[in-house]
């Protein structure tokens, strides 16, 4: 069983026998959405699949309100 550790809280997360790049994972301790970024050894980082694609427009609007 391959394991990696949450980049935030360090909790051990099991990834199955053969983790793959982009595999989604979840940390139950800190509620982190993660993904596999390295397979040998397995390593996790924050998943960006939940980012709003229009964040730049929202950010510019907050800085320069109309």
Protein backbone atom coordinates (compact mmCIF):
# COMPACT_ATOMS: atom_id res chain seq x y z
CA UNK A 1 0.00 0.00 0.00
CA UNK A 2 1.46 3.37 -1.02
CA UNK A 3 1.14 6.22 1.45
CA UNK A 4 1.82 9.95 1.43
CA UNK A 5 1.40 12.70 3.96
CA UNK A 6 -0.86 15.75 3.98
CA UNK A 7 1.19 18.88 3.22
CA UNK A 8 -0.79 20.84 5.83
CA UNK A 9 -1.25 18.65 8.88
CA UNK A 10 1.08 15.71 8.12
CA UNK A 11 -1.61 13.03 8.40
CA UNK A 12 -0.80 9.72 6.69
CA UNK A 13 -3.02 9.11 3.64
CA UNK A 14 -3.27 5.73 1.93
CA UNK A 15 -3.25 5.89 -1.87
CA UNK A 16 -3.72 2.26 -2.88
CA UNK A 17 -1.20 -0.08 -4.49
CA UNK A 18 -0.24 2.05 -7.50
CA UNK A 19 -0.86 5.78 -7.18
CA UNK A 20 -0.91 7.85 -10.38
CA UNK A 21 -0.19 11.50 -11.12
CA UNK A 22 -3.31 13.58 -10.56
CA UNK A 23 -4.97 10.98 -8.34
CA UNK A 24 -7.35 12.76 -5.98
CA UNK A 25 -7.03 12.33 -2.23
CA UNK A 26 -8.72 13.85 0.80
CA UNK A 27 -7.39 14.58 4.26
CA UNK A 28 -10.09 13.92 6.83
CA UNK A 29 -8.17 15.70 9.57
CA UNK A 30 -7.89 19.13 7.91
CA UNK A 31 -10.52 18.66 5.14
CA UNK A 32 -7.88 19.21 2.46
CA UNK A 33 -8.51 18.35 -1.19
CA UNK A 34 -5.23 16.93 -2.42
CA UNK A 35 -3.73 15.25 -5.46
CA UNK A 36 -0.70 13.10 -6.17
CA UNK A 37 2.12 15.21 -7.67
CA UNK A 38 4.93 12.62 -7.43
CA UNK A 39 4.68 8.85 -7.61
CA UNK A 40 8.11 7.71 -6.47
CA UNK A 41 8.00 8.37 -3.60
CA UNK A 42 4.33 9.36 -3.46
CA UNK A 43 3.84 13.03 -2.63
CA UNK A 44 0.70 15.14 -2.25
CA UNK A 45 -0.06 18.79 -2.86
CA UNK A 46 -3.21 20.91 -2.80
CA UNK A 47 -5.66 20.13 -5.59
CA UNK A 48 -6.58 23.03 -7.84
CA UNK A 49 -9.69 21.39 -9.28
CA UNK A 50 -11.91 23.48 -7.02
CA UNK A 51 -10.53 26.85 -8.10
CA UNK A 52 -12.97 29.18 -9.76
CA UNK A 53 -11.77 29.82 -13.32
CA UNK A 54 -12.95 33.44 -13.11
CA UNK A 55 -10.90 34.31 -10.03
CA UNK A 56 -8.94 36.97 -11.94
CA UNK A 57 -12.09 38.89 -12.84
CA UNK A 58 -13.34 38.71 -9.26
CA UNK A 59 -9.96 39.83 -7.95
CA UNK A 60 -9.79 42.80 -10.33
CA UNK A 61 -13.33 43.79 -9.43
CA UNK A 62 -12.47 43.83 -5.75
CA UNK A 63 -9.48 46.08 -6.39
CA UNK A 64 -11.19 48.40 -8.85
CA UNK A 65 -14.93 48.52 -8.15
CA UNK A 66 -16.99 50.09 -10.90
